[in-house]
Amino acid sequence: MNDLIQCSGCGKNVNPKSMFCPFCGGRVRTGKTVENPGCPRCGTALDCEKREEIDIDVCPACGGLWLDRGEFSIVTAESTVYREEKLKEEYSRPAMTEKIEYIPCVRCGKLMIRKNFGRISGVIIDECANHGVWLDRGELEKIRHFILDGGLEKEQFREIEQNRQELREVAQQVDDLAFSHKLIHFWNWKRWFF
């Protein structure tokens, strides 16, 4: 029982590997967080800058950004992007780099996962499930340009079409099953022999 931690919301003991408390549903604050974080790419201490009423940690050496979960959601919200930016040219997907490097989370030090923003943007972000997102120099602008060019809508339409196709396949399977069921009942052997 010593390896459990106390939920900050309800005070009950929970598994430290849990992301959410099973009792109250609140986010579980796990482990230690670094107060003065350093850049996961070059090790330089991050500076705190105020952008759009949000505190963003910026690396003065390499230009990378650390955004906590809520901050990243605000900065990449369609309403925020459309309100602040004007589309100058069409978005072009960046080329994929051959070198894959996993970097540690700025807050907890665990390796972050690499994820394609919007699943089709081509902008690979480093994300810690518990704390936030690391963006290399220029990636925030690429993400915002992707959103401005309607990239999120394109992904939603692609997902809707994929779901539509899956529903057609399920409907076909149901029709085949119904036909088989009718066929079996038509050839009911008891009815033919008795």
C-alpha atoms as a PDB file:
ATOM      1  CA  MET A   1       0.000   0.000   0.000  1.00  0.00           C
ATOM      2  CA  ASN A   2       3.010   2.347   0.291  1.00  0.00           C
ATOM      3  CA  ASP A   3       3.352   2.681  -3.474  1.00  0.00           C
ATOM      4  CA  LEU A   4      -0.067   4.380  -3.780  1.00  0.00           C
ATOM      5  CA  ILE A   5      -0.383   8.158  -3.925  1.00  0.00           C
ATOM      6  CA  GLN A   6      -3.123  10.409  -2.643  1.00  0.00           C
ATOM      7  CA  CYS A   7      -5.502  12.029  -5.134  1.00  0.00           C
ATOM      8  CA  SER A   8      -5.422  15.805  -4.803  1.00  0.00           C
ATOM      9  CA  GLY A   9      -9.157  15.983  -5.586  1.00  0.00           C
ATOM     10  CA  CYS A  10     -10.746  13.471  -3.212  1.00  0.00           C
ATOM     11  CA  GLY A  11      -7.822  12.403  -0.993  1.00  0.00           C
ATOM     12  CA  LYS A  12      -8.212   8.673  -1.671  1.00  0.00           C
ATOM     13  CA  ASN A  13      -5.239   6.426  -2.409  1.00  0.00           C
ATOM     14  CA  VAL A  14      -4.765   5.645  -6.119  1.00  0.00           C
ATOM     15  CA  ASN A  15      -2.211   3.915  -8.320  1.00  0.00           C
ATOM     16  CA  PRO A  16       0.493   6.392  -9.387  1.00  0.00           C
ATOM     17  CA  LYS A  17       0.316   5.024 -12.946  1.00  0.00           C
ATOM     18  CA  SER A  18      -3.324   6.108 -13.233  1.00  0.00           C
ATOM     19  CA  MET A  19      -3.939   9.212 -15.290  1.00  0.00           C
ATOM     20  CA  PHE A  20      -7.349   9.837 -13.681  1.00  0.00           C
ATOM     21  CA  CYS A  21      -8.659   9.049 -10.201  1.00  0.00           C
ATOM     22  CA  PRO A  22     -11.162   6.157 -10.358  1.00  0.00           C
ATOM     23  CA  PHE A  23     -13.131   7.660  -7.456  1.00  0.00           C
ATOM     24  CA  CYS A  24     -13.578  11.318  -8.435  1.00  0.00           C
ATOM     25  CA  GLY A  25     -12.408  11.386 -12.066  1.00  0.00           C
ATOM     26  CA  GLY A  26      -9.868  14.143 -11.416  1.00  0.00           C
ATOM     27  CA  ARG A  27      -6.419  14.148 -13.032  1.00  0.00           C
ATOM     28  CA  VAL A  28      -3.847  12.411 -10.835  1.00  0.00           C
ATOM     29  CA  ARG A  29      -0.718  14.478 -10.254  1.00  0.00           C
ATOM     30  CA  THR A  30       2.029  11.899 -10.431  1.00  0.00           C
ATOM     31  CA  GLY A  31       5.695  12.061  -9.644  1.00  0.00           C
ATOM     32  CA  LYS A  32       7.998  15.016  -9.462  1.00  0.00           C
ATOM     33  CA  THR A  33       7.789  17.943 -11.811  1.00  0.00           C
ATOM     34  CA  VAL A  34      10.771  20.090 -12.672  1.00  0.00           C
ATOM     35  CA  GLU A  35      10.401  23.692 -11.534  1.00  0.00           C
ATOM     36  CA  ASN A  36      13.125  25.231 -13.766  1.00  0.00           C
ATOM     37  CA  PRO A  37      12.998  23.054 -16.855  1.00  0.00           C
ATOM     38  CA  GLY A  38      15.728  22.725 -19.438  1.00  0.00           C
ATOM     39  CA  CYS A  39      15.440  22.229 -23.188  1.00  0.00           C
ATOM     40  CA  PRO A  40      15.198  18.505 -24.045  1.00  0.00           C
ATOM     41  CA  ARG A  41      17.143  19.136 -27.286  1.00  0.00           C
ATOM     42  CA  CYS A  42      20.109  21.264 -26.168  1.00  0.00           C
ATOM     43  CA  GLY A  43      19.867  21.417 -22.348  1.00  0.00           C
ATOM     44  CA  THR A  44      19.597  25.222 -22.151  1.00  0.00           C
ATOM     45  CA  ALA A  45      17.370  26.639 -19.386  1.00  0.00           C
ATOM     46  CA  LEU A  46      13.960  27.625 -20.773  1.00  0.00           C
ATOM     47  CA  ASP A  47      12.728  31.225 -20.598  1.00  0.00           C
ATOM     48  CA  CYS A  48       9.098  31.989 -19.823  1.00  0.00           C
ATOM     49  CA  GLU A  49       7.439  34.243 -22.399  1.00  0.00           C
ATOM     50  CA  LYS A  50       3.907  35.612 -22.433  1.00  0.00           C
ATOM     51  CA  ARG A  51       2.203  34.985 -25.802  1.00  0.00           C
ATOM     52  CA  GLU A  52      -1.495  35.472 -26.354  1.00  0.00           C
ATOM     53  CA  GLU A  53      -2.077  35.677 -22.580  1.00  0.00           C
ATOM     54  CA  ILE A  54      -0.363  32.290 -22.138  1.00  0.00           C
ATOM     55  CA  ASP A  55       2.959  31.552 -20.422  1.00  0.00           C
ATOM     56  CA  ILE A  56       5.075  29.551 -22.887  1.00  0.00           C
ATOM     57  CA  ASP A  57       8.490  28.096 -22.057  1.00  0.00           C
ATOM     58  CA  VAL A  58      10.920  28.967 -24.883  1.00  0.00           C
ATOM     59  CA  CYS A  59      14.471  27.771 -25.468  1.00  0.00           C
ATOM     60  CA  PRO A  60      16.639  30.821 -26.262  1.00  0.00           C
ATOM     61  CA  ALA A  61      19.246  28.641 -28.015  1.00  0.00           C
ATOM     62  CA  CYS A  62      17.283  26.378 -30.395  1.00  0.00           C
ATOM     63  CA  GLY A  63      13.892  28.158 -30.447  1.00  0.00           C
ATOM     64  CA  GLY A  64      11.871  25.161 -29.226  1.00  0.00           C
ATOM     65  CA  LEU A  65       8.637  25.639 -27.263  1.00  0.00           C
ATOM     66  CA  TRP A  66       7.128  23.801 -24.317  1.00  0.00           C
ATOM     67  CA  LEU A  67       3.343  24.067 -24.023  1.00  0.00           C
ATOM     68  CA  ASP A  68       1.424  22.508 -21.137  1.00  0.00           C
ATOM     69  CA  ARG A  69      -1.665  20.510 -22.149  1.00  0.00           C
ATOM     70  CA  GLY A  70      -4.145  23.346 -21.717  1.00  0.00           C
ATOM     71  CA  GLU A  71      -1.847  25.871 -23.357  1.00  0.00           C
ATOM     72  CA  PHE A  72      -1.413  23.688 -26.441  1.00  0.00           C
ATOM     73  CA  SER A  73      -5.189  23.263 -26.726  1.00  0.00           C
ATOM     74  CA  ILE A  74      -5.695  27.039 -26.614  1.00  0.00           C
ATOM     75  CA  VAL A  75      -2.914  27.877 -29.090  1.00  0.00           C
ATOM     76  CA  THR A  76      -4.101  25.278 -31.629  1.00  0.00           C
ATOM     77  CA  ALA A  77      -7.849  25.877 -31.232  1.00  0.00           C
ATOM     78  CA  GLU A  78      -9.451  26.696 -34.572  1.00  0.00           C
ATOM     79  CA  SER A  79     -11.184  29.746 -33.133  1.00  0.00           C
ATOM     80  CA  THR A  80      -7.865  31.159 -31.888  1.00  0.00           C
ATOM     81  CA  VAL A  81      -6.004  30.455 -35.116  1.00  0.00           C
ATOM     82  CA  TYR A  82      -8.719  31.850 -37.421  1.00  0.00           C
ATOM     83  CA  ARG A  83      -9.071  34.981 -35.296  1.00  0.00           C
ATOM     84  CA  GLU A  84      -5.360  35.820 -35.313  1.00  0.00           C
ATOM     85  CA  GLU A  85      -3.883  34.692 -38.621  1.00  0.00           C
ATOM     86  CA  LYS A  86      -4.446  35.253 -42.295  1.00  0.00           C
ATOM     87  CA  LEU A  87      -3.698  32.538 -44.843  1.00  0.00           C
ATOM     88  CA  LYS A  88      -0.948  33.686 -47.195  1.00  0.00           C
ATOM     89  CA  GLU A  89      -0.401  30.556 -49.272  1.00  0.00           C
ATOM     90  CA  GLU A  90      -1.560  26.961 -49.432  1.00  0.00           C
ATOM     91  CA  TYR A  91      -0.209  24.588 -46.798  1.00  0.00           C
ATOM     92  CA  SER A  92       2.399  22.130 -48.010  1.00  0.00           C
ATOM     93  CA  ARG A  93       3.181  19.097 -45.940  1.00  0.00           C
ATOM     94  CA  PRO A  94       6.817  19.111 -44.712  1.00  0.00           C
ATOM     95  CA  ALA A  95       9.137  16.275 -45.692  1.00  0.00           C
ATOM     96  CA  MET A  96       9.645  13.586 -43.074  1.00  0.00           C
ATOM     97  CA  THR A  97      13.073  13.466 -41.469  1.00  0.00           C
ATOM     98  CA  GLU A  98      14.911  10.169 -41.519  1.00  0.00           C
ATOM     99  CA  LYS A  99      16.378  10.549 -38.045  1.00  0.00           C
ATOM    100  CA  ILE A 100      13.941   9.653 -35.249  1.00  0.00           C
ATOM    101  CA  GLU A 101      14.905  10.891 -31.820  1.00  0.00           C
ATOM    102  CA  TYR A 102      12.814  10.514 -28.674  1.00  0.00           C
ATOM    103  CA  ILE A 103      13.266  13.284 -26.147  1.00  0.00           C
ATOM    104  CA  PRO A 104      12.379  13.483 -22.438  1.00  0.00           C
ATOM    105  CA  CYS A 105       9.433  15.417 -21.060  1.00  0.00           C
ATOM    106  CA  VAL A 106      10.372  18.841 -19.740  1.00  0.00           C
ATOM    107  CA  ARG A 107       8.283  18.285 -16.577  1.00  0.00           C
ATOM    108  CA  CYS A 108       8.769  14.608 -15.590  1.00  0.00           C
ATOM    109  CA  GLY A 109      11.803  13.460 -17.597  1.00  0.00           C
ATOM    110  CA  LYS A 110      10.095  10.408 -19.135  1.00  0.00           C
ATOM    111  CA  LEU A 111      10.469   9.868 -22.879  1.00  0.00           C
ATOM    112  CA  MET A 112       7.663  11.435 -24.892  1.00  0.00           C
ATOM    113  CA  ILE A 113       5.793   9.851 -27.777  1.00  0.00           C
ATOM    114  CA  ARG A 114       6.049  11.217 -31.304  1.00  0.00           C
ATOM    115  CA  LYS A 115       2.745  11.999 -32.954  1.00  0.00           C
ATOM    116  CA  ASN A 116       1.619  13.416 -36.295  1.00  0.00           C
ATOM    117  CA  PHE A 117      -0.510  16.459 -35.463  1.00  0.00           C
ATOM    118  CA  GLY A 118      -4.009  16.045 -36.918  1.00  0.00           C
ATOM    119  CA  ARG A 119      -2.923  12.610 -38.227  1.00  0.00           C
ATOM    120  CA  ILE A 120      -2.257  14.039 -41.715  1.00  0.00           C
ATOM    121  CA  SER A 121      -0.337  17.293 -41.201  1.00  0.00           C
ATOM    122  CA  GLY A 122       3.177  15.866 -41.396  1.00  0.00           C
ATOM    123  CA  VAL A 123       4.196  17.931 -38.355  1.00  0.00           C
ATOM    124  CA  ILE A 124       5.600  15.446 -35.843  1.00  0.00           C
ATOM    125  CA  ILE A 125       5.208  16.716 -32.282  1.00  0.00           C
ATOM    126  CA  ASP A 126       6.652  15.262 -29.078  1.00  0.00           C
ATOM    127  CA  GLU A 127       3.925  14.714 -26.486  1.00  0.00           C
ATOM    128  CA  CYS A 128       3.875  13.691 -22.834  1.00  0.00           C
ATOM    129  CA  ALA A 129       0.455  12.256 -22.014  1.00  0.00           C
ATOM    130  CA  ASN A 130       0.480  13.831 -18.554  1.00  0.00           C
ATOM    131  CA  HIS A 131       2.139  17.191 -19.045  1.00  0.00           C
ATOM    132  CA  GLY A 132       2.238  18.730 -22.492  1.00  0.00           C
ATOM    133  CA  VAL A 133       3.871  19.109 -25.892  1.00  0.00           C
ATOM    134  CA  TRP A 134       7.347  20.041 -27.118  1.00  0.00           C
ATOM    135  CA  LEU A 135       7.513  21.840 -30.465  1.00  0.00           C
ATOM    136  CA  ASP A 136      10.759  22.427 -32.332  1.00  0.00           C
ATOM    137  CA  ARG A 137      11.444  25.769 -34.017  1.00  0.00           C
ATOM    138  CA  GLY A 138       8.783  26.574 -36.610  1.00  0.00           C
ATOM    139  CA  GLU A 139       6.442  23.681 -35.796  1.00  0.00           C
ATOM    140  CA  LEU A 140       3.813  25.890 -34.139  1.00  0.00           C
ATOM    141  CA  GLU A 141       3.623  28.049 -37.272  1.00  0.00           C
ATOM    142  CA  LYS A 142       3.313  24.918 -39.457  1.00  0.00           C
ATOM    143  CA  ILE A 143       0.495  23.604 -37.244  1.00  0.00           C
ATOM    144  CA  ARG A 144      -1.346  26.929 -37.366  1.00  0.00           C
ATOM    145  CA  HIS A 145      -0.900  27.098 -41.152  1.00  0.00           C
ATOM    146  CA  PHE A 146      -2.250  23.528 -41.430  1.00  0.00           C
ATOM    147  CA  ILE A 147      -5.329  24.554 -39.411  1.00  0.00           C
ATOM    148  CA  LEU A 148      -5.830  27.742 -41.459  1.00  0.00           C
ATOM    149  CA  ASP A 149      -5.706  25.762 -44.709  1.00  0.00           C
ATOM    150  CA  GLY A 150      -8.557  23.539 -43.465  1.00  0.00           C
ATOM    151  CA  GLY A 151      -6.388  20.573 -42.535  1.00  0.00           C
ATOM    152  CA  LEU A 152      -8.478  19.586 -39.518  1.00  0.00           C
ATOM    153  CA  GLU A 153     -11.655  19.599 -41.635  1.00  0.00           C
ATOM    154  CA  LYS A 154      -9.921  17.431 -44.263  1.00  0.00           C
ATOM    155  CA  GLU A 155      -9.001  14.918 -41.562  1.00  0.00           C
ATOM    156  CA  GLN A 156     -12.568  14.967 -40.206  1.00  0.00           C
ATOM    157  CA  PHE A 157     -14.001  14.376 -43.699  1.00  0.00           C
ATOM    158  CA  ARG A 158     -11.526  11.533 -44.244  1.00  0.00           C
ATOM    159  CA  GLU A 159     -12.549   9.990 -40.930  1.00  0.00           C
ATOM    160  CA  ILE A 160     -16.266  10.376 -41.741  1.00  0.00           C
ATOM    161  CA  GLU A 161     -15.753   8.672 -45.118  1.00  0.00           C
ATOM    162  CA  GLN A 162     -13.821   5.845 -43.461  1.00  0.00           C
ATOM    163  CA  ASN A 163     -16.645   5.376 -40.911  1.00  0.00           C
ATOM    164  CA  ARG A 164     -19.209   5.440 -43.725  1.00  0.00           C
ATOM    165  CA  GLN A 165     -17.317   2.667 -45.548  1.00  0.00           C
ATOM    166  CA  GLU A 166     -17.101   0.574 -42.370  1.00  0.00           C
ATOM    167  CA  LEU A 167     -20.875   0.997 -41.838  1.00  0.00           C
ATOM    168  CA  ARG A 168     -21.514  -0.188 -45.428  1.00  0.00           C
ATOM    169  CA  GLU A 169     -19.403  -3.290 -44.774  1.00  0.00           C
ATOM    170  CA  VAL A 170     -21.265  -4.028 -41.521  1.00  0.00           C
ATOM    171  CA  ALA A 171     -24.629  -3.548 -43.278  1.00  0.00           C
ATOM    172  CA  GLN A 172     -23.541  -6.009 -45.979  1.00  0.00           C
ATOM    173  CA  GLN A 173     -22.543  -8.557 -43.329  1.00  0.00           C
ATOM    174  CA  VAL A 174     -25.924  -8.113 -41.592  1.00  0.00           C
ATOM    175  CA  ASP A 175     -27.738  -8.618 -44.917  1.00  0.00           C
ATOM    176  CA  ASP A 176     -25.702 -11.774 -45.602  1.00  0.00           C
ATOM    177  CA  LEU A 177     -26.472 -13.084 -42.118  1.00  0.00           C
ATOM    178  CA  ALA A 178     -30.199 -12.367 -42.509  1.00  0.00           C
ATOM    179  CA  PHE A 179     -30.244 -14.195 -45.845  1.00  0.00           C
ATOM    180  CA  SER A 180     -28.448 -17.191 -44.296  1.00  0.00           C
ATOM    181  CA  HIS A 181     -30.900 -17.180 -41.408  1.00  0.00           C
ATOM    182  CA  LYS A 182     -33.905 -17.214 -43.801  1.00  0.00           C
ATOM    183  CA  LEU A 183     -32.318 -19.985 -45.854  1.00  0.00           C
ATOM    184  CA  ILE A 184     -31.767 -22.165 -42.780  1.00  0.00           C
ATOM    185  CA  HIS A 185     -35.381 -21.688 -41.654  1.00  0.00           C
ATOM    186  CA  PHE A 186     -36.685 -22.424 -45.160  1.00  0.00           C
ATOM    187  CA  TRP A 187     -34.889 -25.765 -45.222  1.00  0.00           C
ATOM    188  CA  ASN A 188     -36.072 -26.752 -41.761  1.00  0.00           C
ATOM    189  CA  TRP A 189     -35.658 -30.539 -41.937  1.00  0.00           C
ATOM    190  CA  LYS A 190     -38.330 -31.224 -39.321  1.00  0.00           C
ATOM    191  CA  ARG A 191     -40.919 -29.618 -41.552  1.00  0.00           C
ATOM    192  CA  TRP A 192     -39.918 -31.735 -44.558  1.00  0.00           C
ATOM    193  CA  PHE A 193     -39.762 -35.106 -42.809  1.00  0.00           C
ATOM    194  CA  PHE A 194     -42.560 -34.919 -40.251  1.00  0.00           C
END
